[in-house]
Amino acid sequence: MLQDVKQQALTPHQAGVNSFYGSGIDDYHNYHNGYLNFGLWDRDGLTYEQAAENLIARLCGLLGLNAESKLLDIGSGMGTQDIFMHRTYRPALIQGLDVTVKHVARATERQRRENVPESAMRFRHGSGTEIPFPPSSFSHVLSVEAPEHFDTREKFFHEAFRVLRPGGVLSFSDYPLARQPKNLFEKFVVWAASRIWHVPPANLYVNEVFKQKLETAGFKNVTIENVGALTIPGYYFECRRPESIREIRNIRGFWKGVLGGYLIDIGVYGAFKAGLCEYNLVRAEKPA
């Protein structure tokens, strides 16, 4: 399947993201049904898959996704969220774009297995900072927990604005700083987490800067909602369940799966508990 993916040339940073997410994916694509997001844990008793779909549904509500939508999903992962959106909202088209080659291969495989025609859904290898589509190609742009990786997120805002039609809507989830680090230890925590997670230093800023950069790119009616309390703890404790640890060890091994995953999870959770990190849901409109 990998040989069928038409690959875009990658920068060193993009290659690092591709390697980070592509490692161990051969067995990972069925874990959590292929979902990769933190989930939205806004009520008791949710399974991880329900929380993951809950998050996608919230973002689709912000988009106003409907049967006439032409959606570009940037950072589409292994296609599970796109299958969910196709079945739930029936948009005219979902175009997935992901920088991780193995994600594109798995998403295409999932689409074929679910008998979704290419006229309704397709996947392509590429970057959110150099979107390989003409201006005004889409009515909606979605990105779930991917913009933090883009080098830079600001370039993504300009590219999303370019490919949206007038009146189009952008919605995404991301990890802003809740505040600037106050001391050397906090600076080290932020630096280490961003380094391990392949987040460019230029993307480390607070919600007010998100709003500024979106408006500079041309967007209006920007809304930002912090939902860290409904995402980060739920995902952290899901990953700490003994059953989850065993599955990850079997899939990705101890060093990358268990230890590497723990360092990222505890870094994000610890930064959130310390008031350094948040999780936001963002919506912005391109003027008609």
C-alpha atoms as a PDB file:
ATOM      1  CA  MET A   1       0.000   0.000   0.000  1.00  0.00           C
ATOM      2  CA  LEU A   2       2.860   2.432   0.739  1.00  0.00           C
ATOM      3  CA  GLN A   3       4.075   2.182  -2.833  1.00  0.00           C
ATOM      4  CA  ASP A   4       0.653   3.435  -3.965  1.00  0.00           C
ATOM      5  CA  VAL A   5       0.984   6.691  -1.999  1.00  0.00           C
ATOM      6  CA  LYS A   6       2.258   9.587  -4.106  1.00  0.00           C
ATOM      7  CA  GLN A   7       4.716  11.210  -1.742  1.00  0.00           C
ATOM      8  CA  GLN A   8       5.521  14.894  -1.414  1.00  0.00           C
ATOM      9  CA  ALA A   9       9.127  15.905  -0.682  1.00  0.00           C
ATOM     10  CA  LEU A  10       9.556  16.619   3.044  1.00  0.00           C
ATOM     11  CA  THR A  11      11.569  19.207   4.935  1.00  0.00           C
ATOM     12  CA  PRO A  12      13.745  17.887   7.807  1.00  0.00           C
ATOM     13  CA  HIS A  13      11.071  18.923  10.316  1.00  0.00           C
ATOM     14  CA  GLN A  14       8.284  17.242   8.325  1.00  0.00           C
ATOM     15  CA  ALA A  15      10.431  14.118   7.995  1.00  0.00           C
ATOM     16  CA  GLY A  16      10.766  14.060  11.785  1.00  0.00           C
ATOM     17  CA  VAL A  17       6.985  14.248  12.220  1.00  0.00           C
ATOM     18  CA  ASN A  18       6.534  11.525   9.589  1.00  0.00           C
ATOM     19  CA  SER A  19       8.994   9.279  11.439  1.00  0.00           C
ATOM     20  CA  PHE A  20       7.483  10.042  14.854  1.00  0.00           C
ATOM     21  CA  TYR A  21       3.925   9.121  13.853  1.00  0.00           C
ATOM     22  CA  GLY A  22       4.858   6.412  11.354  1.00  0.00           C
ATOM     23  CA  SER A  23       6.967   4.347  13.769  1.00  0.00           C
ATOM     24  CA  GLY A  24       5.169   1.197  14.907  1.00  0.00           C
ATOM     25  CA  ILE A  25       1.998   2.085  13.007  1.00  0.00           C
ATOM     26  CA  ASP A  26       1.795  -1.271  11.220  1.00  0.00           C
ATOM     27  CA  ASP A  27       0.073  -2.776  14.258  1.00  0.00           C
ATOM     28  CA  TYR A  28      -1.172   0.485  15.785  1.00  0.00           C
ATOM     29  CA  HIS A  29      -3.830   1.273  13.179  1.00  0.00           C
ATOM     30  CA  ASN A  30      -6.480  -0.916  14.847  1.00  0.00           C
ATOM     31  CA  TYR A  31      -5.740   0.244  18.415  1.00  0.00           C
ATOM     32  CA  HIS A  32      -8.526   2.578  19.594  1.00  0.00           C
ATOM     33  CA  ASN A  33     -10.074   1.889  16.166  1.00  0.00           C
ATOM     34  CA  GLY A  34      -7.369   4.090  14.662  1.00  0.00           C
ATOM     35  CA  TYR A  35      -8.256   7.278  16.565  1.00  0.00           C
ATOM     36  CA  LEU A  36      -5.327   9.397  17.730  1.00  0.00           C
ATOM     37  CA  ASN A  37      -6.954  12.426  19.404  1.00  0.00           C
ATOM     38  CA  PHE A  38      -7.245  13.261  23.124  1.00  0.00           C
ATOM     39  CA  GLY A  39     -11.022  12.915  23.170  1.00  0.00           C
ATOM     40  CA  LEU A  40     -13.646  15.147  24.751  1.00  0.00           C
ATOM     41  CA  TRP A  41     -14.613  13.646  28.124  1.00  0.00           C
ATOM     42  CA  ASP A  42     -17.598  15.837  28.978  1.00  0.00           C
ATOM     43  CA  ARG A  43     -19.664  13.183  30.739  1.00  0.00           C
ATOM     44  CA  ASP A  44     -19.059  10.094  32.832  1.00  0.00           C
ATOM     45  CA  GLY A  45     -18.820   6.580  31.455  1.00  0.00           C
ATOM     46  CA  LEU A  46     -17.338   7.330  28.041  1.00  0.00           C
ATOM     47  CA  THR A  47     -15.058   4.819  26.378  1.00  0.00           C
ATOM     48  CA  TYR A  48     -12.028   6.245  24.601  1.00  0.00           C
ATOM     49  CA  GLU A  49     -13.625   5.768  21.180  1.00  0.00           C
ATOM     50  CA  GLN A  50     -16.778   7.579  22.314  1.00  0.00           C
ATOM     51  CA  ALA A  51     -14.702  10.466  23.689  1.00  0.00           C
ATOM     52  CA  ALA A  52     -12.698  10.649  20.440  1.00  0.00           C
ATOM     53  CA  GLU A  53     -15.873  10.819  18.344  1.00  0.00           C
ATOM     54  CA  ASN A  54     -17.343  13.318  20.793  1.00  0.00           C
ATOM     55  CA  LEU A  55     -14.431  15.644  20.059  1.00  0.00           C
ATOM     56  CA  ILE A  56     -14.857  15.257  16.291  1.00  0.00           C
ATOM     57  CA  ALA A  57     -18.587  15.948  16.618  1.00  0.00           C
ATOM     58  CA  ARG A  58     -17.902  19.140  18.589  1.00  0.00           C
ATOM     59  CA  LEU A  59     -15.499  20.394  15.909  1.00  0.00           C
ATOM     60  CA  CYS A  60     -17.952  19.487  13.145  1.00  0.00           C
ATOM     61  CA  GLY A  61     -20.591  21.494  14.997  1.00  0.00           C
ATOM     62  CA  LEU A  62     -18.252  24.483  14.999  1.00  0.00           C
ATOM     63  CA  LEU A  63     -17.712  24.005  11.260  1.00  0.00           C
ATOM     64  CA  GLY A  64     -21.397  23.649  10.473  1.00  0.00           C
ATOM     65  CA  LEU A  65     -20.625  20.566   8.396  1.00  0.00           C
ATOM     66  CA  ASN A  66     -23.506  19.488   6.158  1.00  0.00           C
ATOM     67  CA  ALA A  67     -24.384  17.623   2.971  1.00  0.00           C
ATOM     68  CA  GLU A  68     -23.112  20.456   0.741  1.00  0.00           C
ATOM     69  CA  SER A  69     -19.703  20.724   2.431  1.00  0.00           C
ATOM     70  CA  LYS A  70     -16.398  20.155   0.686  1.00  0.00           C
ATOM     71  CA  LEU A  71     -14.114  19.454   3.623  1.00  0.00           C
ATOM     72  CA  LEU A  72     -10.322  19.454   3.777  1.00  0.00           C
ATOM     73  CA  ASP A  73      -9.147  17.470   6.818  1.00  0.00           C
ATOM     74  CA  ILE A  74      -5.496  18.345   7.472  1.00  0.00           C
ATOM     75  CA  GLY A  75      -3.723  15.807   9.659  1.00  0.00           C
ATOM     76  CA  SER A  76      -6.368  13.222   8.841  1.00  0.00           C
ATOM     77  CA  GLY A  77      -4.482  10.382  10.525  1.00  0.00           C
ATOM     78  CA  MET A  78      -5.596   6.877   9.682  1.00  0.00           C
ATOM     79  CA  GLY A  79      -8.969   7.965   8.329  1.00  0.00           C
ATOM     80  CA  THR A  80     -11.185   6.878  11.214  1.00  0.00           C
ATOM     81  CA  GLN A  81     -12.488  10.382  11.917  1.00  0.00           C
ATOM     82  CA  ASP A  82     -13.220  10.828   8.215  1.00  0.00           C
ATOM     83  CA  ILE A  83     -15.292   7.639   8.096  1.00  0.00           C
ATOM     84  CA  PHE A  84     -17.192   8.921  11.159  1.00  0.00           C
ATOM     85  CA  MET A  85     -17.822  12.313   9.536  1.00  0.00           C
ATOM     86  CA  HIS A  86     -18.876  10.696   6.249  1.00  0.00           C
ATOM     87  CA  ARG A  87     -21.452   8.506   7.986  1.00  0.00           C
ATOM     88  CA  THR A  88     -22.706  11.173  10.384  1.00  0.00           C
ATOM     89  CA  TYR A  89     -22.807  14.344   8.257  1.00  0.00           C
ATOM     90  CA  ARG A  90     -22.686  13.048   4.652  1.00  0.00           C
ATOM     91  CA  PRO A  91     -20.620  15.938   3.228  1.00  0.00           C
ATOM     92  CA  ALA A  92     -20.224  16.094  -0.544  1.00  0.00           C
ATOM     93  CA  LEU A  93     -16.472  15.467  -0.242  1.00  0.00           C
ATOM     94  CA  ILE A  94     -13.862  14.772   2.416  1.00  0.00           C
ATOM     95  CA  GLN A  95     -10.272  15.311   1.269  1.00  0.00           C
ATOM     96  CA  GLY A  96      -7.736  14.046   3.782  1.00  0.00           C
ATOM     97  CA  LEU A  97      -4.189  15.408   3.862  1.00  0.00           C
ATOM     98  CA  ASP A  98      -1.433  14.045   6.109  1.00  0.00           C
ATOM     99  CA  VAL A  99       2.352  14.366   6.227  1.00  0.00           C
ATOM    100  CA  THR A 100       2.786  10.816   7.584  1.00  0.00           C
ATOM    101  CA  VAL A 101       3.021   8.442   4.633  1.00  0.00           C
ATOM    102  CA  LYS A 102       1.809   5.405   6.577  1.00  0.00           C
ATOM    103  CA  HIS A 103      -1.220   7.348   7.784  1.00  0.00           C
ATOM    104  CA  VAL A 104      -2.237   8.022   4.189  1.00  0.00           C
ATOM    105  CA  ALA A 105      -1.787   4.357   3.280  1.00  0.00           C
ATOM    106  CA  ARG A 106      -3.828   3.148   6.271  1.00  0.00           C
ATOM    107  CA  ALA A 107      -6.547   5.742   5.697  1.00  0.00           C
ATOM    108  CA  THR A 108      -6.905   4.703   2.055  1.00  0.00           C
ATOM    109  CA  GLU A 109      -7.025   1.073   3.104  1.00  0.00           C
ATOM    110  CA  ARG A 110      -9.734   1.876   5.690  1.00  0.00           C
ATOM    111  CA  GLN A 111     -11.761   3.823   3.135  1.00  0.00           C
ATOM    112  CA  ARG A 112     -11.713   0.899   0.709  1.00  0.00           C
ATOM    113  CA  ARG A 113     -12.569  -1.579   3.446  1.00  0.00           C
ATOM    114  CA  GLU A 114     -15.567   0.581   4.424  1.00  0.00           C
ATOM    115  CA  ASN A 115     -16.661   0.812   0.762  1.00  0.00           C
ATOM    116  CA  VAL A 116     -16.578   4.614   0.666  1.00  0.00           C
ATOM    117  CA  PRO A 117     -16.202   5.785  -2.969  1.00  0.00           C
ATOM    118  CA  GLU A 118     -13.373   8.105  -3.994  1.00  0.00           C
ATOM    119  CA  SER A 119     -15.967  10.589  -5.176  1.00  0.00           C
ATOM    120  CA  ALA A 120     -16.885  11.094  -1.495  1.00  0.00           C
ATOM    121  CA  MET A 121     -13.524  10.611   0.214  1.00  0.00           C
ATOM    122  CA  ARG A 122      -9.872  10.553  -0.754  1.00  0.00           C
ATOM    123  CA  PHE A 123      -6.508  10.883   0.960  1.00  0.00           C
ATOM    124  CA  ARG A 124      -3.272  12.523  -0.085  1.00  0.00           C
ATOM    125  CA  HIS A 125       0.228  12.930   1.301  1.00  0.00           C
ATOM    126  CA  GLY A 126       1.156  16.545   1.976  1.00  0.00           C
ATOM    127  CA  SER A 127       1.724  19.385   4.399  1.00  0.00           C
ATOM    128  CA  GLY A 128      -0.581  21.901   6.045  1.00  0.00           C
ATOM    129  CA  THR A 129       1.946  24.643   5.281  1.00  0.00           C
ATOM    130  CA  GLU A 130       2.012  23.933   1.535  1.00  0.00           C
ATOM    131  CA  ILE A 131      -1.510  22.720   0.816  1.00  0.00           C
ATOM    132  CA  PRO A 132      -1.504  21.133  -2.669  1.00  0.00           C
ATOM    133  CA  PHE A 133      -4.868  22.523  -3.815  1.00  0.00           C
ATOM    134  CA  PRO A 134      -5.917  25.663  -5.709  1.00  0.00           C
ATOM    135  CA  PRO A 135      -7.452  28.720  -4.025  1.00  0.00           C
ATOM    136  CA  SER A 136     -11.099  28.492  -2.927  1.00  0.00           C
ATOM    137  CA  SER A 137     -11.211  24.692  -3.266  1.00  0.00           C
ATOM    138  CA  PHE A 138     -13.075  23.940  -0.022  1.00  0.00           C
ATOM    139  CA  SER A 139     -16.010  25.210   2.006  1.00  0.00           C
ATOM    140  CA  HIS A 140     -14.537  23.930   5.296  1.00  0.00           C
ATOM    141  CA  VAL A 141     -11.089  23.162   6.704  1.00  0.00           C
ATOM    142  CA  LEU A 142     -10.599  20.968   9.778  1.00  0.00           C
ATOM    143  CA  SER A 143      -7.437  20.054  11.671  1.00  0.00           C
ATOM    144  CA  VAL A 144      -7.446  17.914  14.816  1.00  0.00           C
ATOM    145  CA  GLU A 145      -4.354  18.214  17.006  1.00  0.00           C
ATOM    146  CA  ALA A 146      -2.080  18.780  14.018  1.00  0.00           C
ATOM    147  CA  PRO A 147      -1.387  22.551  13.779  1.00  0.00           C
ATOM    148  CA  GLU A 148       1.080  22.468  16.681  1.00  0.00           C
ATOM    149  CA  HIS A 149       3.391  20.388  14.440  1.00  0.00           C
ATOM    150  CA  PHE A 150       3.258  22.715  11.452  1.00  0.00           C
ATOM    151  CA  ASP A 151       6.382  24.717  10.703  1.00  0.00           C
ATOM    152  CA  THR A 152       4.839  27.128  11.283  1.00  0.00           C
ATOM    153  CA  ARG A 153       1.250  27.227  12.455  1.00  0.00           C
ATOM    154  CA  GLU A 154       1.059  30.760  11.078  1.00  0.00           C
ATOM    155  CA  LYS A 155       1.835  29.468   7.562  1.00  0.00           C
ATOM    156  CA  PHE A 156      -1.009  26.988   8.001  1.00  0.00           C
ATOM    157  CA  PHE A 157      -3.419  29.841   8.816  1.00  0.00           C
ATOM    158  CA  HIS A 158      -2.503  31.610   5.569  1.00  0.00           C
ATOM    159  CA  GLU A 159      -2.755  28.386   3.565  1.00  0.00           C
ATOM    160  CA  ALA A 160      -6.129  27.480   5.102  1.00  0.00           C
ATOM    161  CA  PHE A 161      -7.402  30.958   4.242  1.00  0.00           C
ATOM    162  CA  ARG A 162      -6.173  30.555   0.650  1.00  0.00           C
ATOM    163  CA  VAL A 163      -7.906  27.217  -0.015  1.00  0.00           C
ATOM    164  CA  LEU A 164     -11.182  28.207   1.645  1.00  0.00           C
ATOM    165  CA  ARG A 165     -13.998  29.671  -0.411  1.00  0.00           C
ATOM    166  CA  PRO A 166     -15.318  33.097   0.586  1.00  0.00           C
ATOM    167  CA  GLY A 167     -17.618  32.495   3.554  1.00  0.00           C
ATOM    168  CA  GLY A 168     -15.773  29.265   4.407  1.00  0.00           C
ATOM    169  CA  VAL A 169     -15.007  28.098   7.934  1.00  0.00           C
ATOM    170  CA  LEU A 170     -11.845  26.830   9.612  1.00  0.00           C
ATOM    171  CA  SER A 171     -12.024  24.795  12.819  1.00  0.00           C
ATOM    172  CA  PHE A 172      -9.229  23.070  14.679  1.00  0.00           C
ATOM    173  CA  SER A 173      -8.076  21.805  18.063  1.00  0.00           C
ATOM    174  CA  ASP A 174      -4.644  22.622  19.417  1.00  0.00           C
ATOM    175  CA  TYR A 175      -2.420  23.060  22.471  1.00  0.00           C
ATOM    176  CA  PRO A 176      -1.746  26.699  23.398  1.00  0.00           C
ATOM    177  CA  LEU A 177       0.383  27.885  26.260  1.00  0.00           C
ATOM    178  CA  ALA A 178      -1.927  28.961  29.077  1.00  0.00           C
ATOM    179  CA  ARG A 179       0.785  31.434  30.131  1.00  0.00           C
ATOM    180  CA  GLN A 180       4.472  32.023  29.614  1.00  0.00           C
ATOM    181  CA  PRO A 181       6.888  29.899  31.695  1.00  0.00           C
ATOM    182  CA  LYS A 182       7.931  31.684  34.884  1.00  0.00           C
ATOM    183  CA  ASN A 183      11.260  30.050  35.717  1.00  0.00           C
ATOM    184  CA  LEU A 184      14.017  27.828  34.339  1.00  0.00           C
ATOM    185  CA  PHE A 185      12.253  24.609  35.326  1.00  0.00           C
ATOM    186  CA  GLU A 186       9.043  25.581  33.545  1.00  0.00           C
ATOM    187  CA  LYS A 187      11.018  26.704  30.505  1.00  0.00           C
ATOM    188  CA  PHE A 188      12.747  23.317  30.475  1.00  0.00           C
ATOM    189  CA  VAL A 189       9.415  21.446  30.735  1.00  0.00           C
ATOM    190  CA  VAL A 190       7.979  23.367  27.780  1.00  0.00           C
ATOM    191  CA  TRP A 191      11.178  22.972  25.757  1.00  0.00           C
ATOM    192  CA  ALA A 192      11.469  19.225  26.453  1.00  0.00           C
ATOM    193  CA  ALA A 193       7.804  18.485  25.678  1.00  0.00           C
ATOM    194  CA  SER A 194       7.935  20.459  22.425  1.00  0.00           C
ATOM    195  CA  ARG A 195      11.223  18.840  21.434  1.00  0.00           C
ATOM    196  CA  ILE A 196       9.974  15.279  22.000  1.00  0.00           C
ATOM    197  CA  TRP A 197       6.656  16.043  20.299  1.00  0.00           C
ATOM    198  CA  HIS A 198       8.155  17.824  17.259  1.00  0.00           C
ATOM    199  CA  VAL A 199       6.541  21.197  17.996  1.00  0.00           C
ATOM    200  CA  PRO A 200       8.495  24.135  16.499  1.00  0.00           C
ATOM    201  CA  PRO A 201       9.438  26.824  19.070  1.00  0.00           C
ATOM    202  CA  ALA A 202       7.637  29.416  16.923  1.00  0.00           C
ATOM    203  CA  ASN A 203       4.334  27.674  17.756  1.00  0.00           C
ATOM    204  CA  LEU A 204       4.619  28.141  21.528  1.00  0.00           C
ATOM    205  CA  TYR A 205       2.204  30.963  22.343  1.00  0.00           C
ATOM    206  CA  VAL A 206      -1.060  31.820  24.113  1.00  0.00           C
ATOM    207  CA  ASN A 207      -4.628  32.136  22.807  1.00  0.00           C
ATOM    208  CA  GLU A 208      -4.346  35.883  22.250  1.00  0.00           C
ATOM    209  CA  VAL A 209      -1.569  35.251  19.726  1.00  0.00           C
ATOM    210  CA  PHE A 210      -3.682  32.568  17.997  1.00  0.00           C
ATOM    211  CA  LYS A 211      -6.397  35.201  17.508  1.00  0.00           C
ATOM    212  CA  GLN A 212      -3.910  37.819  16.290  1.00  0.00           C
ATOM    213  CA  LYS A 213      -2.299  35.518  13.758  1.00  0.00           C
ATOM    214  CA  LEU A 214      -5.644  34.255  12.442  1.00  0.00           C
ATOM    215  CA  GLU A 215      -6.889  37.815  11.948  1.00  0.00           C
ATOM    216  CA  THR A 216      -3.622  38.801  10.260  1.00  0.00           C
ATOM    217  CA  ALA A 217      -4.149  35.868   7.853  1.00  0.00           C
ATOM    218  CA  GLY A 218      -7.537  37.398   6.955  1.00  0.00           C
ATOM    219  CA  PHE A 219      -9.986  35.503   9.182  1.00  0.00           C
ATOM    220  CA  LYS A 220     -12.807  37.164  11.098  1.00  0.00           C
ATOM    221  CA  ASN A 221     -15.186  36.147  13.909  1.00  0.00           C
ATOM    222  CA  VAL A 222     -12.455  34.128  15.636  1.00  0.00           C
ATOM    223  CA  THR A 223     -13.640  32.202  18.693  1.00  0.00           C
ATOM    224  CA  ILE A 224     -11.415  30.195  21.035  1.00  0.00           C
ATOM    225  CA  GLU A 225     -12.660  27.889  23.789  1.00  0.00           C
ATOM    226  CA  ASN A 226     -10.354  26.281  26.347  1.00  0.00           C
ATOM    227  CA  VAL A 227     -11.440  22.709  27.114  1.00  0.00           C
ATOM    228  CA  GLY A 228      -8.270  21.304  28.681  1.00  0.00           C
ATOM    229  CA  ALA A 229     -10.147  20.050  31.736  1.00  0.00           C
ATOM    230  CA  LEU A 230     -12.366  17.957  29.433  1.00  0.00           C
ATOM    231  CA  THR A 231      -9.547  16.543  27.282  1.00  0.00           C
ATOM    232  CA  ILE A 232      -6.103  16.262  28.878  1.00  0.00           C
ATOM    233  CA  PRO A 233      -6.922  14.444  32.176  1.00  0.00           C
ATOM    234  CA  GLY A 234      -9.315  12.020  30.459  1.00  0.00           C
ATOM    235  CA  TYR A 235      -6.744  11.040  27.871  1.00  0.00           C
ATOM    236  CA  TYR A 236      -3.942  10.817  30.429  1.00  0.00           C
ATOM    237  CA  PHE A 237      -5.845   8.415  32.677  1.00  0.00           C
ATOM    238  CA  GLU A 238      -7.012   6.365  29.685  1.00  0.00           C
ATOM    239  CA  CYS A 239      -3.366   5.883  28.691  1.00  0.00           C
ATOM    240  CA  ARG A 240      -2.402   4.959  32.255  1.00  0.00           C
ATOM    241  CA  ARG A 241      -4.853   2.056  32.457  1.00  0.00           C
ATOM    242  CA  PRO A 242      -2.933  -1.253  32.756  1.00  0.00           C
ATOM    243  CA  GLU A 243      -4.827  -2.603  29.739  1.00  0.00           C
ATOM    244  CA  SER A 244      -3.761   0.375  27.621  1.00  0.00           C
ATOM    245  CA  ILE A 245      -0.128   0.060  28.706  1.00  0.00           C
ATOM    246  CA  ARG A 246      -0.086  -3.641  27.807  1.00  0.00           C
ATOM    247  CA  GLU A 247      -1.564  -3.001  24.373  1.00  0.00           C
ATOM    248  CA  ILE A 248       0.872  -0.183  23.595  1.00  0.00           C
ATOM    249  CA  ARG A 249       3.829  -2.303  24.725  1.00  0.00           C
ATOM    250  CA  ASN A 250       2.726  -5.130  22.433  1.00  0.00           C
ATOM    251  CA  ILE A 251       2.245  -2.747  19.508  1.00  0.00           C
ATOM    252  CA  ARG A 252       5.109  -0.261  19.757  1.00  0.00           C
ATOM    253  CA  GLY A 253       7.453  -1.837  22.283  1.00  0.00           C
ATOM    254  CA  PHE A 254       8.575  -0.624  25.710  1.00  0.00           C
ATOM    255  CA  TRP A 255      10.958   2.199  24.802  1.00  0.00           C
ATOM    256  CA  LYS A 256       8.945   4.021  22.142  1.00  0.00           C
ATOM    257  CA  GLY A 257       5.467   2.918  23.134  1.00  0.00           C
ATOM    258  CA  VAL A 258       5.431   2.733  26.914  1.00  0.00           C
ATOM    259  CA  LEU A 259       8.295   4.989  28.002  1.00  0.00           C
ATOM    260  CA  GLY A 260       8.124   7.474  25.117  1.00  0.00           C
ATOM    261  CA  GLY A 261       4.345   7.680  25.366  1.00  0.00           C
ATOM    262  CA  TYR A 262       4.538   8.167  29.126  1.00  0.00           C
ATOM    263  CA  LEU A 263       7.032  11.023  28.833  1.00  0.00           C
ATOM    264  CA  ILE A 264       4.755  12.849  26.409  1.00  0.00           C
ATOM    265  CA  ASP A 265       1.595  12.139  28.400  1.00  0.00           C
ATOM    266  CA  ILE A 266       3.077  13.144  31.749  1.00  0.00           C
ATOM    267  CA  GLY A 267       4.645  16.207  30.135  1.00  0.00           C
ATOM    268  CA  VAL A 268       1.330  17.454  28.743  1.00  0.00           C
ATOM    269  CA  TYR A 269      -0.661  16.469  31.849  1.00  0.00           C
ATOM    270  CA  GLY A 270       1.938  17.968  34.194  1.00  0.00           C
ATOM    271  CA  ALA A 271       2.085  21.190  32.172  1.00  0.00           C
ATOM    272  CA  PHE A 272      -1.721  21.389  32.260  1.00  0.00           C
ATOM    273  CA  LYS A 273      -1.857  20.826  36.021  1.00  0.00           C
ATOM    274  CA  ALA A 274       0.808  23.508  36.489  1.00  0.00           C
ATOM    275  CA  GLY A 275      -1.277  25.970  34.487  1.00  0.00           C
ATOM    276  CA  LEU A 276       1.199  26.076  31.589  1.00  0.00           C
ATOM    277  CA  CYS A 277      -0.680  24.193  28.869  1.00  0.00           C
ATOM    278  CA  GLU A 278      -4.261  24.247  27.595  1.00  0.00           C
ATOM    279  CA  TYR A 279      -6.313  22.563  24.889  1.00  0.00           C
ATOM    280  CA  ASN A 280      -8.398  24.805  22.701  1.00  0.00           C
ATOM    281  CA  LEU A 281     -11.148  24.564  20.117  1.00  0.00           C
ATOM    282  CA  VAL A 282     -10.851  27.305  17.508  1.00  0.00           C
ATOM    283  CA  ARG A 283     -13.280  28.546  14.875  1.00  0.00           C
ATOM    284  CA  ALA A 284     -12.642  31.256  12.278  1.00  0.00           C
ATOM    285  CA  GLU A 285     -14.437  32.489   9.157  1.00  0.00           C
ATOM    286  CA  LYS A 286     -13.155  33.683   5.795  1.00  0.00           C
ATOM    287  CA  PRO A 287     -15.126  36.822   4.854  1.00  0.00           C
ATOM    288  CA  ALA A 288     -17.753  36.274   2.162  1.00  0.00           C
END
